[in-house]
Amino acid sequence: MLEMINIKKNPISILIFVICVIVFFVARGTDPENIRFLAFDYEALPQRWYAILSYGFVHVDWNHIIVNMGLLLWIGIWVERLIGSKRYIVLVLSGILAGGITMLLRETAGIGFSAGAAALLFYYHFAFPTKKELPFNIPNVVLPVVLLIISVGAIIFGWLPSVGHYSHIAGALVGVIFLWIFHKQHRPI
């Protein structure tokens, strides 16, 4: 596990993790309203224009941060090693920005690293589609396809309305687009 989480090999992943955990514990240890200024809220624009990115570092419940930071540490570290820290930060911030744009266009609010996590998940699993790293020897490509189907189904049928399905799809598209752009610069991991 220590080899996986290595600050020299994964400085951006570790930095994102630390920021998200600090913001989470400030919200949990005081009042979640203390970090509200970081959350995206269409009604707070244009004063909180920066929230189109800062929302990606805000989580207020345990399930949300565990899933998002789990994906960051499970997949993000490998993507960072694969494309390098400079390209990685562009990928992650573009995923978060794409998610923020969906909230802007839908005139809604939101928090969490999910759009960035979707960009990482789709990047990695489509970069290695035939590798069988999932349970039951399922090829990697299956996971993003199933998640996309679930998100589209959730939008169509109104499942889990508090979840940012549009943001997840936007982040996923960013991951696929950046894979197409960066695939020739991959490093061995």
N, C-alpha and C. Protein backbone atom coordinates (compact mmCIF):
# COMPACT_ATOMS: atom_id res chain seq x y z
N MET A 1 0.83 -1.20 0.00
CA MET A 1 0.00 0.00 0.00
C MET A 1 0.87 1.26 0.00
N LEU A 2 1.97 1.24 0.75
CA LEU A 2 2.83 2.42 0.79
C LEU A 2 3.45 2.71 -0.56
N GLU A 3 3.74 1.67 -1.35
CA GLU A 3 4.27 1.88 -2.69
C GLU A 3 3.24 2.56 -3.58
N MET A 4 1.96 2.24 -3.36
CA MET A 4 0.91 2.84 -4.17
C MET A 4 0.80 4.33 -3.88
N ILE A 5 0.83 4.70 -2.62
CA ILE A 5 0.66 6.10 -2.24
C ILE A 5 2.05 6.66 -1.94
N ASN A 6 2.66 7.27 -2.94
CA ASN A 6 4.01 7.77 -2.85
C ASN A 6 4.00 9.23 -3.27
N ILE A 7 4.33 10.12 -2.35
CA ILE A 7 4.22 11.56 -2.63
C ILE A 7 5.12 11.98 -3.78
N LYS A 8 6.26 11.32 -3.98
CA LYS A 8 7.14 11.68 -5.09
C LYS A 8 6.56 11.27 -6.43
N LYS A 9 5.85 10.16 -6.45
CA LYS A 9 5.26 9.66 -7.70
C LYS A 9 3.85 10.21 -7.92
N ASN A 10 3.19 10.65 -6.86
CA ASN A 10 1.80 11.08 -6.94
C ASN A 10 1.54 12.38 -6.18
N PRO A 11 2.28 13.43 -6.45
CA PRO A 11 2.10 14.64 -5.64
C PRO A 11 0.71 15.27 -5.79
N ILE A 12 0.14 15.24 -6.96
CA ILE A 12 -1.16 15.88 -7.18
C ILE A 12 -2.27 15.05 -6.53
N SER A 13 -2.22 13.74 -6.68
CA SER A 13 -3.22 12.88 -6.03
C SER A 13 -3.21 13.07 -4.52
N ILE A 14 -2.01 13.10 -3.94
CA ILE A 14 -1.89 13.27 -2.49
C ILE A 14 -2.38 14.66 -2.09
N LEU A 15 -2.04 15.69 -2.86
CA LEU A 15 -2.49 17.05 -2.57
C LEU A 15 -4.02 17.15 -2.60
N ILE A 16 -4.64 16.59 -3.62
CA ILE A 16 -6.10 16.60 -3.72
C ILE A 16 -6.71 15.88 -2.53
N PHE A 17 -6.15 14.73 -2.19
CA PHE A 17 -6.64 13.95 -1.05
C PHE A 17 -6.57 14.78 0.23
N VAL A 18 -5.43 15.40 0.48
CA VAL A 18 -5.22 16.18 1.71
C VAL A 18 -6.20 17.36 1.75
N ILE A 19 -6.35 18.08 0.65
CA ILE A 19 -7.28 19.22 0.63
C ILE A 19 -8.69 18.75 0.93
N CYS A 20 -9.14 17.70 0.26
CA CYS A 20 -10.50 17.20 0.47
C CYS A 20 -10.72 16.75 1.90
N VAL A 21 -9.75 16.07 2.48
CA VAL A 21 -9.88 15.58 3.86
C VAL A 21 -9.90 16.75 4.84
N ILE A 22 -9.05 17.74 4.63
CA ILE A 22 -9.05 18.91 5.52
C ILE A 22 -10.39 19.63 5.45
N VAL A 23 -10.88 19.88 4.24
CA VAL A 23 -12.17 20.56 4.09
C VAL A 23 -13.28 19.74 4.74
N PHE A 24 -13.25 18.42 4.54
CA PHE A 24 -14.25 17.53 5.13
C PHE A 24 -14.23 17.64 6.66
N PHE A 25 -13.05 17.57 7.27
CA PHE A 25 -12.98 17.61 8.73
C PHE A 25 -13.30 18.99 9.29
N VAL A 26 -13.02 20.05 8.55
CA VAL A 26 -13.46 21.37 8.98
C VAL A 26 -14.98 21.41 9.00
N ALA A 27 -15.61 20.87 7.96
CA ALA A 27 -17.08 20.84 7.90
C ALA A 27 -17.66 19.97 9.00
N ARG A 28 -17.06 18.80 9.24
CA ARG A 28 -17.56 17.89 10.28
C ARG A 28 -17.29 18.40 11.69
N GLY A 29 -16.13 19.04 11.87
CA GLY A 29 -15.74 19.47 13.21
C GLY A 29 -16.35 20.77 13.65
N THR A 30 -16.83 21.55 12.71
CA THR A 30 -17.46 22.83 13.06
C THR A 30 -18.91 22.77 12.59
N ASP A 31 -19.20 23.52 11.58
CA ASP A 31 -20.53 23.57 10.99
C ASP A 31 -20.34 23.52 9.48
N PRO A 32 -21.04 22.63 8.77
CA PRO A 32 -20.88 22.56 7.32
C PRO A 32 -21.09 23.91 6.63
N GLU A 33 -21.80 24.81 7.25
CA GLU A 33 -21.99 26.15 6.68
C GLU A 33 -20.67 26.91 6.56
N ASN A 34 -19.67 26.52 7.37
CA ASN A 34 -18.37 27.19 7.33
C ASN A 34 -17.64 26.97 6.01
N ILE A 35 -18.00 25.93 5.29
CA ILE A 35 -17.35 25.67 4.01
C ILE A 35 -18.30 25.87 2.83
N ARG A 36 -19.48 26.38 3.11
CA ARG A 36 -20.48 26.60 2.07
C ARG A 36 -19.96 27.48 0.93
N PHE A 37 -19.09 28.43 1.25
CA PHE A 37 -18.56 29.34 0.24
C PHE A 37 -17.77 28.61 -0.85
N LEU A 38 -17.35 27.37 -0.60
CA LEU A 38 -16.62 26.58 -1.59
C LEU A 38 -17.56 25.78 -2.51
N ALA A 39 -18.79 25.55 -2.07
CA ALA A 39 -19.75 24.74 -2.83
C ALA A 39 -20.29 25.53 -4.01
N PHE A 40 -20.64 24.81 -5.07
CA PHE A 40 -21.24 25.48 -6.23
C PHE A 40 -22.73 25.68 -5.97
N ASP A 41 -23.18 26.88 -6.16
CA ASP A 41 -24.60 27.20 -6.04
C ASP A 41 -24.92 28.26 -7.08
N TYR A 42 -25.74 27.90 -8.02
CA TYR A 42 -26.09 28.81 -9.11
C TYR A 42 -26.59 30.15 -8.59
N GLU A 43 -27.34 30.10 -7.49
CA GLU A 43 -27.91 31.32 -6.92
C GLU A 43 -26.84 32.26 -6.37
N ALA A 44 -25.64 31.76 -6.09
CA ALA A 44 -24.58 32.58 -5.51
C ALA A 44 -23.67 33.22 -6.57
N LEU A 45 -23.98 33.00 -7.82
CA LEU A 45 -23.18 33.59 -8.89
C LEU A 45 -23.62 35.02 -9.15
N PRO A 46 -22.80 35.91 -9.56
CA PRO A 46 -21.39 35.76 -9.94
C PRO A 46 -20.42 35.92 -8.77
N GLN A 47 -20.91 36.24 -7.56
CA GLN A 47 -20.01 36.48 -6.43
C GLN A 47 -19.08 35.30 -6.16
N ARG A 48 -19.60 34.09 -6.24
CA ARG A 48 -18.78 32.91 -5.95
C ARG A 48 -18.40 32.20 -7.25
N TRP A 49 -17.86 32.92 -8.20
CA TRP A 49 -17.48 32.39 -9.51
C TRP A 49 -16.47 31.25 -9.40
N TYR A 50 -15.58 31.31 -8.42
CA TYR A 50 -14.53 30.31 -8.22
C TYR A 50 -15.10 28.94 -7.84
N ALA A 51 -16.35 28.91 -7.37
CA ALA A 51 -16.96 27.66 -6.92
C ALA A 51 -17.17 26.68 -8.06
N ILE A 52 -17.03 27.12 -9.31
CA ILE A 52 -17.16 26.21 -10.45
C ILE A 52 -16.02 25.17 -10.42
N LEU A 53 -14.96 25.45 -9.67
CA LEU A 53 -13.89 24.47 -9.43
C LEU A 53 -13.80 24.04 -7.97
N SER A 54 -13.98 24.98 -7.04
CA SER A 54 -13.77 24.65 -5.63
C SER A 54 -14.78 23.62 -5.10
N TYR A 55 -15.96 23.52 -5.73
CA TYR A 55 -16.96 22.55 -5.28
C TYR A 55 -16.40 21.12 -5.30
N GLY A 56 -15.44 20.87 -6.18
CA GLY A 56 -14.87 19.54 -6.32
C GLY A 56 -14.07 19.06 -5.13
N PHE A 57 -13.79 19.95 -4.20
CA PHE A 57 -12.98 19.60 -3.04
C PHE A 57 -13.81 19.55 -1.76
N VAL A 58 -15.14 19.64 -1.90
CA VAL A 58 -16.04 19.71 -0.75
C VAL A 58 -16.86 18.43 -0.64
N HIS A 59 -16.88 17.85 0.55
CA HIS A 59 -17.72 16.69 0.87
C HIS A 59 -18.23 16.91 2.29
N VAL A 60 -19.47 16.54 2.54
CA VAL A 60 -19.99 16.74 3.90
C VAL A 60 -20.47 15.46 4.56
N ASP A 61 -20.52 14.34 3.84
CA ASP A 61 -20.88 13.10 4.52
C ASP A 61 -19.84 12.02 4.22
N TRP A 62 -19.80 11.05 5.13
CA TRP A 62 -18.78 10.00 5.07
C TRP A 62 -18.83 9.19 3.79
N ASN A 63 -20.00 8.77 3.35
CA ASN A 63 -20.10 7.95 2.14
C ASN A 63 -19.53 8.68 0.93
N HIS A 64 -19.85 9.94 0.83
CA HIS A 64 -19.42 10.74 -0.32
C HIS A 64 -17.90 10.84 -0.39
N ILE A 65 -17.27 11.18 0.73
CA ILE A 65 -15.81 11.34 0.70
C ILE A 65 -15.10 9.99 0.57
N ILE A 66 -15.64 8.95 1.18
CA ILE A 66 -14.99 7.64 1.09
C ILE A 66 -15.00 7.14 -0.34
N VAL A 67 -16.13 7.25 -1.03
CA VAL A 67 -16.20 6.80 -2.42
C VAL A 67 -15.27 7.63 -3.31
N ASN A 68 -15.37 8.96 -3.20
CA ASN A 68 -14.56 9.81 -4.08
C ASN A 68 -13.06 9.69 -3.80
N MET A 69 -12.67 9.68 -2.54
CA MET A 69 -11.25 9.57 -2.23
C MET A 69 -10.75 8.14 -2.47
N GLY A 70 -11.63 7.17 -2.31
CA GLY A 70 -11.26 5.80 -2.67
C GLY A 70 -10.93 5.69 -4.15
N LEU A 71 -11.76 6.30 -4.99
CA LEU A 71 -11.48 6.30 -6.43
C LEU A 71 -10.20 7.07 -6.75
N LEU A 72 -10.00 8.18 -6.06
CA LEU A 72 -8.77 8.96 -6.26
C LEU A 72 -7.54 8.11 -5.95
N LEU A 73 -7.57 7.39 -4.83
CA LEU A 73 -6.41 6.59 -4.44
C LEU A 73 -6.32 5.27 -5.19
N TRP A 74 -7.44 4.74 -5.65
CA TRP A 74 -7.45 3.46 -6.36
C TRP A 74 -7.04 3.64 -7.81
N ILE A 75 -7.53 4.68 -8.45
CA ILE A 75 -7.31 4.87 -9.89
C ILE A 75 -6.45 6.10 -10.17
N GLY A 76 -6.68 7.17 -9.45
CA GLY A 76 -5.98 8.42 -9.71
C GLY A 76 -4.47 8.30 -9.65
N ILE A 77 -3.97 7.56 -8.68
CA ILE A 77 -2.51 7.44 -8.57
C ILE A 77 -1.91 6.78 -9.80
N TRP A 78 -2.61 5.82 -10.39
CA TRP A 78 -2.10 5.15 -11.58
C TRP A 78 -2.18 6.06 -12.80
N VAL A 79 -3.25 6.84 -12.89
CA VAL A 79 -3.38 7.78 -14.00
C VAL A 79 -2.29 8.84 -13.89
N GLU A 80 -2.03 9.32 -12.69
CA GLU A 80 -0.98 10.33 -12.52
C GLU A 80 0.37 9.78 -12.94
N ARG A 81 0.66 8.55 -12.59
CA ARG A 81 1.93 7.94 -13.01
C ARG A 81 1.96 7.71 -14.52
N LEU A 82 0.83 7.40 -15.08
CA LEU A 82 0.72 7.11 -16.51
C LEU A 82 0.94 8.34 -17.37
N ILE A 83 0.37 9.50 -16.97
CA ILE A 83 0.44 10.69 -17.82
C ILE A 83 1.31 11.81 -17.25
N GLY A 84 1.78 11.67 -16.02
CA GLY A 84 2.58 12.71 -15.40
C GLY A 84 1.71 13.72 -14.66
N SER A 85 2.28 14.38 -13.69
CA SER A 85 1.53 15.27 -12.81
C SER A 85 0.95 16.48 -13.51
N LYS A 86 1.67 17.04 -14.49
CA LYS A 86 1.16 18.23 -15.19
C LYS A 86 -0.09 17.90 -16.00
N ARG A 87 -0.05 16.82 -16.77
CA ARG A 87 -1.23 16.43 -17.55
C ARG A 87 -2.36 15.99 -16.62
N TYR A 88 -1.96 15.35 -15.53
CA TYR A 88 -2.94 14.84 -14.57
C TYR A 88 -3.77 15.97 -13.96
N ILE A 89 -3.11 17.05 -13.54
CA ILE A 89 -3.85 18.16 -12.95
C ILE A 89 -4.78 18.79 -13.98
N VAL A 90 -4.36 18.83 -15.24
CA VAL A 90 -5.23 19.36 -16.30
C VAL A 90 -6.45 18.45 -16.47
N LEU A 91 -6.23 17.14 -16.45
CA LEU A 91 -7.33 16.18 -16.57
C LEU A 91 -8.32 16.33 -15.42
N VAL A 92 -7.82 16.34 -14.20
CA VAL A 92 -8.69 16.40 -13.02
C VAL A 92 -9.46 17.72 -12.97
N LEU A 93 -8.76 18.84 -13.15
CA LEU A 93 -9.45 20.13 -13.09
C LEU A 93 -10.44 20.30 -14.25
N SER A 94 -10.12 19.74 -15.40
CA SER A 94 -11.06 19.80 -16.53
C SER A 94 -12.30 18.97 -16.24
N GLY A 95 -12.13 17.82 -15.60
CA GLY A 95 -13.28 17.00 -15.20
C GLY A 95 -14.17 17.74 -14.22
N ILE A 96 -13.54 18.37 -13.21
CA ILE A 96 -14.30 19.14 -12.22
C ILE A 96 -14.99 20.32 -12.90
N LEU A 97 -14.27 21.03 -13.77
CA LEU A 97 -14.85 22.17 -14.48
C LEU A 97 -16.03 21.74 -15.35
N ALA A 98 -15.90 20.62 -16.04
CA ALA A 98 -17.01 20.12 -16.87
C ALA A 98 -18.23 19.83 -16.01
N GLY A 99 -18.01 19.24 -14.84
CA GLY A 99 -19.12 19.00 -13.91
C GLY A 99 -19.74 20.31 -13.44
N GLY A 100 -18.89 21.31 -13.15
CA GLY A 100 -19.38 22.61 -12.74
C GLY A 100 -20.19 23.30 -13.83
N ILE A 101 -19.76 23.12 -15.07
CA ILE A 101 -20.50 23.72 -16.18
C ILE A 101 -21.89 23.09 -16.31
N THR A 102 -21.99 21.79 -16.06
CA THR A 102 -23.33 21.16 -16.12
C THR A 102 -24.24 21.75 -15.04
N MET A 103 -23.68 22.02 -13.86
CA MET A 103 -24.50 22.63 -12.80
C MET A 103 -24.87 24.06 -13.16
N LEU A 104 -23.95 24.77 -13.77
CA LEU A 104 -24.23 26.13 -14.23
C LEU A 104 -25.36 26.13 -15.26
N LEU A 105 -25.26 25.25 -16.24
CA LEU A 105 -26.27 25.19 -17.30
C LEU A 105 -27.63 24.72 -16.77
N ARG A 106 -27.61 23.87 -15.76
CA ARG A 106 -28.85 23.36 -15.19
C ARG A 106 -29.37 24.25 -14.05
N GLU A 107 -28.61 25.30 -13.73
CA GLU A 107 -28.97 26.26 -12.69
C GLU A 107 -29.25 25.56 -11.36
N THR A 108 -28.28 24.77 -10.93
CA THR A 108 -28.44 23.97 -9.72
C THR A 108 -27.23 24.17 -8.80
N ALA A 109 -27.08 23.31 -7.82
CA ALA A 109 -25.98 23.38 -6.87
C ALA A 109 -25.34 21.99 -6.76
N GLY A 110 -24.14 21.95 -6.19
CA GLY A 110 -23.51 20.65 -6.00
C GLY A 110 -22.16 20.74 -5.32
N ILE A 111 -21.72 19.60 -4.82
CA ILE A 111 -20.41 19.47 -4.20
C ILE A 111 -19.83 18.11 -4.56
N GLY A 112 -18.53 17.98 -4.38
CA GLY A 112 -17.87 16.68 -4.47
C GLY A 112 -16.95 16.52 -5.66
N PHE A 113 -16.04 15.57 -5.50
CA PHE A 113 -15.00 15.26 -6.48
C PHE A 113 -15.50 14.29 -7.56
N SER A 114 -16.78 13.99 -7.59
CA SER A 114 -17.30 12.94 -8.46
C SER A 114 -17.02 13.15 -9.94
N ALA A 115 -17.12 14.38 -10.44
CA ALA A 115 -16.83 14.62 -11.86
C ALA A 115 -15.35 14.37 -12.14
N GLY A 116 -14.48 14.79 -11.23
CA GLY A 116 -13.05 14.50 -11.38
C GLY A 116 -12.78 13.01 -11.29
N ALA A 117 -13.45 12.34 -10.36
CA ALA A 117 -13.29 10.89 -10.22
C ALA A 117 -13.78 10.16 -11.47
N ALA A 118 -14.88 10.63 -12.05
CA ALA A 118 -15.39 10.02 -13.28
C ALA A 118 -14.39 10.19 -14.42
N ALA A 119 -13.75 11.35 -14.50
CA ALA A 119 -12.73 11.57 -15.54
C ALA A 119 -11.59 10.56 -15.36
N LEU A 120 -11.16 10.35 -14.13
CA LEU A 120 -10.08 9.40 -13.86
C LEU A 120 -10.49 7.97 -14.16
N LEU A 121 -11.68 7.60 -13.71
CA LEU A 121 -12.15 6.23 -13.91
C LEU A 121 -12.30 5.91 -15.40
N PHE A 122 -12.92 6.79 -16.14
CA PHE A 122 -13.10 6.56 -17.57
C PHE A 122 -11.76 6.58 -18.30
N TYR A 123 -10.86 7.47 -17.92
CA TYR A 123 -9.54 7.52 -18.53
C TYR A 123 -8.84 6.18 -18.37
N TYR A 124 -8.73 5.74 -17.13
CA TYR A 124 -7.97 4.52 -16.85
C TYR A 124 -8.61 3.28 -17.46
N HIS A 125 -9.90 3.11 -17.27
CA HIS A 125 -10.55 1.89 -17.73
C HIS A 125 -10.65 1.80 -19.25
N PHE A 126 -10.72 2.94 -19.93
CA PHE A 126 -10.68 2.89 -21.39
C PHE A 126 -9.25 2.82 -21.91
N ALA A 127 -8.26 3.26 -21.12
CA ALA A 127 -6.86 3.11 -21.51
C ALA A 127 -6.45 1.64 -21.50
N PHE A 128 -7.04 0.87 -20.60
CA PHE A 128 -6.74 -0.56 -20.47
C PHE A 128 -8.03 -1.37 -20.51
N PRO A 129 -8.76 -1.32 -21.60
CA PRO A 129 -10.11 -1.90 -21.65
C PRO A 129 -10.16 -3.42 -21.48
N THR A 130 -9.14 -4.12 -21.91
CA THR A 130 -9.20 -5.59 -21.85
C THR A 130 -8.53 -6.17 -20.61
N LYS A 131 -7.83 -5.33 -19.83
CA LYS A 131 -7.24 -5.83 -18.59
C LYS A 131 -8.36 -6.28 -17.67
N LYS A 132 -8.13 -7.34 -16.95
CA LYS A 132 -9.16 -7.89 -16.07
C LYS A 132 -8.79 -7.60 -14.62
N GLU A 133 -9.00 -6.36 -14.23
CA GLU A 133 -8.65 -5.91 -12.88
C GLU A 133 -9.87 -5.82 -11.97
N LEU A 134 -11.03 -6.04 -12.50
CA LEU A 134 -12.27 -5.97 -11.72
C LEU A 134 -12.59 -7.33 -11.12
N PRO A 135 -13.45 -7.40 -10.11
CA PRO A 135 -13.83 -8.70 -9.54
C PRO A 135 -14.37 -9.65 -10.62
N PHE A 136 -14.19 -10.91 -10.39
CA PHE A 136 -14.67 -11.98 -11.28
C PHE A 136 -14.02 -11.91 -12.66
N ASN A 137 -12.81 -11.34 -12.75
CA ASN A 137 -12.08 -11.24 -14.02
C ASN A 137 -12.86 -10.51 -15.11
N ILE A 138 -13.65 -9.55 -14.71
CA ILE A 138 -14.41 -8.76 -15.68
C ILE A 138 -13.46 -7.75 -16.32
N PRO A 139 -13.49 -7.59 -17.63
CA PRO A 139 -12.62 -6.61 -18.30
C PRO A 139 -12.92 -5.18 -17.82
N ASN A 140 -11.89 -4.37 -17.76
CA ASN A 140 -12.01 -2.99 -17.27
C ASN A 140 -13.09 -2.19 -17.98
N VAL A 141 -13.29 -2.40 -19.25
CA VAL A 141 -14.23 -1.59 -20.03
C VAL A 141 -15.67 -1.72 -19.52
N VAL A 142 -15.97 -2.80 -18.84
CA VAL A 142 -17.34 -3.04 -18.38
C VAL A 142 -17.77 -1.99 -17.34
N LEU A 143 -16.88 -1.66 -16.42
CA LEU A 143 -17.25 -0.72 -15.34
C LEU A 143 -17.71 0.64 -15.86
N PRO A 144 -16.93 1.33 -16.70
CA PRO A 144 -17.42 2.64 -17.16
C PRO A 144 -18.68 2.53 -18.01
N VAL A 145 -18.81 1.48 -18.79
CA VAL A 145 -20.02 1.33 -19.60
C VAL A 145 -21.25 1.15 -18.70
N VAL A 146 -21.13 0.33 -17.67
CA VAL A 146 -22.24 0.12 -16.73
C VAL A 146 -22.57 1.42 -15.99
N LEU A 147 -21.54 2.14 -15.55
CA LEU A 147 -21.78 3.41 -14.85
C LEU A 147 -22.46 4.43 -15.75
N LEU A 148 -22.08 4.46 -17.01
CA LEU A 148 -22.72 5.39 -17.96
C LEU A 148 -24.19 5.02 -18.16
N ILE A 149 -24.47 3.74 -18.30
CA ILE A 149 -25.85 3.28 -18.46
C ILE A 149 -26.68 3.64 -17.22
N ILE A 150 -26.11 3.43 -16.04
CA ILE A 150 -26.82 3.76 -14.80
C ILE A 150 -27.09 5.26 -14.72
N SER A 151 -26.10 6.08 -15.05
CA SER A 151 -26.29 7.53 -14.99
C SER A 151 -27.36 8.00 -15.97
N VAL A 152 -27.32 7.49 -17.18
CA VAL A 152 -28.33 7.86 -18.18
C VAL A 152 -29.71 7.39 -17.71
N GLY A 153 -29.78 6.15 -17.21
CA GLY A 153 -31.05 5.64 -16.68
C GLY A 153 -31.56 6.48 -15.52
N ALA A 154 -30.66 6.90 -14.65
CA ALA A 154 -31.05 7.73 -13.51
C ALA A 154 -31.61 9.07 -13.97
N ILE A 155 -31.03 9.63 -15.01
CA ILE A 155 -31.55 10.90 -15.55
C ILE A 155 -32.93 10.68 -16.16
N ILE A 156 -33.07 9.65 -16.95
CA ILE A 156 -34.34 9.38 -17.63
C ILE A 156 -35.45 9.07 -16.64
N PHE A 157 -35.16 8.22 -15.66
CA PHE A 157 -36.20 7.74 -14.75
C PHE A 157 -36.27 8.50 -13.42
N GLY A 158 -35.38 9.49 -13.24
CA GLY A 158 -35.42 10.30 -12.03
C GLY A 158 -34.90 9.61 -10.79
N TRP A 159 -34.03 8.61 -10.95
CA TRP A 159 -33.46 7.91 -9.80
C TRP A 159 -32.44 8.80 -9.11
N LEU A 160 -32.36 8.73 -7.82
CA LEU A 160 -31.37 9.45 -7.02
C LEU A 160 -31.22 10.91 -7.48
N PRO A 161 -32.27 11.69 -7.33
CA PRO A 161 -32.25 13.06 -7.86
C PRO A 161 -31.20 13.98 -7.22
N SER A 162 -30.71 13.63 -6.03
CA SER A 162 -29.70 14.49 -5.39
C SER A 162 -28.29 14.20 -5.88
N VAL A 163 -28.13 13.17 -6.71
CA VAL A 163 -26.81 12.81 -7.25
C VAL A 163 -26.59 13.59 -8.55
N GLY A 164 -25.36 14.04 -8.78
CA GLY A 164 -25.03 14.84 -9.96
C GLY A 164 -24.75 13.98 -11.18
N HIS A 165 -25.77 13.33 -11.71
CA HIS A 165 -25.58 12.43 -12.85
C HIS A 165 -25.01 13.17 -14.07
N TYR A 166 -25.50 14.38 -14.33
CA TYR A 166 -24.98 15.15 -15.46
C TYR A 166 -23.49 15.46 -15.27
N SER A 167 -23.13 15.80 -14.06
CA SER A 167 -21.72 16.09 -13.76
C SER A 167 -20.85 14.85 -13.94
N HIS A 168 -21.37 13.70 -13.54
CA HIS A 168 -20.61 12.45 -13.71
C HIS A 168 -20.38 12.17 -15.19
N ILE A 169 -21.42 12.35 -15.99
CA ILE A 169 -21.29 12.11 -17.43
C ILE A 169 -20.31 13.11 -18.05
N ALA A 170 -20.38 14.36 -17.63
CA ALA A 170 -19.45 15.37 -18.15
C ALA A 170 -18.01 15.01 -17.80
N GLY A 171 -17.78 14.60 -16.56
CA GLY A 171 -16.44 14.18 -16.16
C GLY A 171 -15.98 12.96 -16.95
N ALA A 172 -16.88 12.02 -17.17
CA ALA A 172 -16.55 10.83 -17.95
C ALA A 172 -16.13 11.20 -19.38
N LEU A 173 -16.87 12.12 -19.98
CA LEU A 173 -16.52 12.56 -21.34
C LEU A 173 -15.15 13.22 -21.37
N VAL A 174 -14.84 14.00 -20.36
CA VAL A 174 -13.51 14.61 -20.26
C VAL A 174 -12.44 13.53 -20.21
N GLY A 175 -12.68 12.49 -19.40
CA GLY A 175 -11.72 11.40 -19.31
C GLY A 175 -11.46 10.74 -20.66
N VAL A 176 -12.50 10.50 -21.42
CA VAL A 176 -12.36 9.87 -22.74
C VAL A 176 -11.65 10.80 -23.72
N ILE A 177 -12.02 12.07 -23.71
CA ILE A 177 -11.39 13.05 -24.61
C ILE A 177 -9.89 13.17 -24.30
N PHE A 178 -9.55 13.27 -23.01
CA PHE A 178 -8.15 13.40 -22.64
C PHE A 178 -7.37 12.12 -22.91
N LEU A 179 -8.00 10.97 -22.83
CA LEU A 179 -7.32 9.73 -23.22
C LEU A 179 -6.93 9.81 -24.69
N TRP A 180 -7.81 10.27 -25.51
CA TRP A 180 -7.54 10.41 -26.94
C TRP A 180 -6.38 11.38 -27.16
N ILE A 181 -6.32 12.46 -26.36
CA ILE A 181 -5.27 13.46 -26.51
C ILE A 181 -3.92 12.97 -25.95
N PHE A 182 -3.94 12.33 -24.79
CA PHE A 182 -2.71 11.99 -24.07
C PHE A 182 -2.17 10.58 -24.34
N HIS A 183 -2.90 9.72 -25.01
CA HIS A 183 -2.52 8.30 -25.06
C HIS A 183 -1.11 8.05 -25.62
N LYS A 184 -0.62 8.91 -26.46
CA LYS A 184 0.71 8.69 -27.04
C LYS A 184 1.82 9.08 -26.07
N GLN A 185 1.51 9.80 -25.02
CA GLN A 185 2.52 10.21 -24.04
C GLN A 185 2.51 9.32 -22.79
N HIS A 186 1.84 8.20 -22.81
CA HIS A 186 1.79 7.34 -21.63
C HIS A 186 3.17 6.85 -21.24
N ARG A 187 3.38 6.81 -19.95
CA ARG A 187 4.61 6.29 -19.37
C ARG A 187 4.34 4.88 -18.86
N PRO A 188 5.36 4.06 -18.74
CA PRO A 188 5.12 2.75 -18.11
C PRO A 188 4.80 2.93 -16.63
N ILE A 189 3.83 2.17 -16.13
CA ILE A 189 3.50 2.24 -14.70
C ILE A 189 3.75 0.93 -14.08
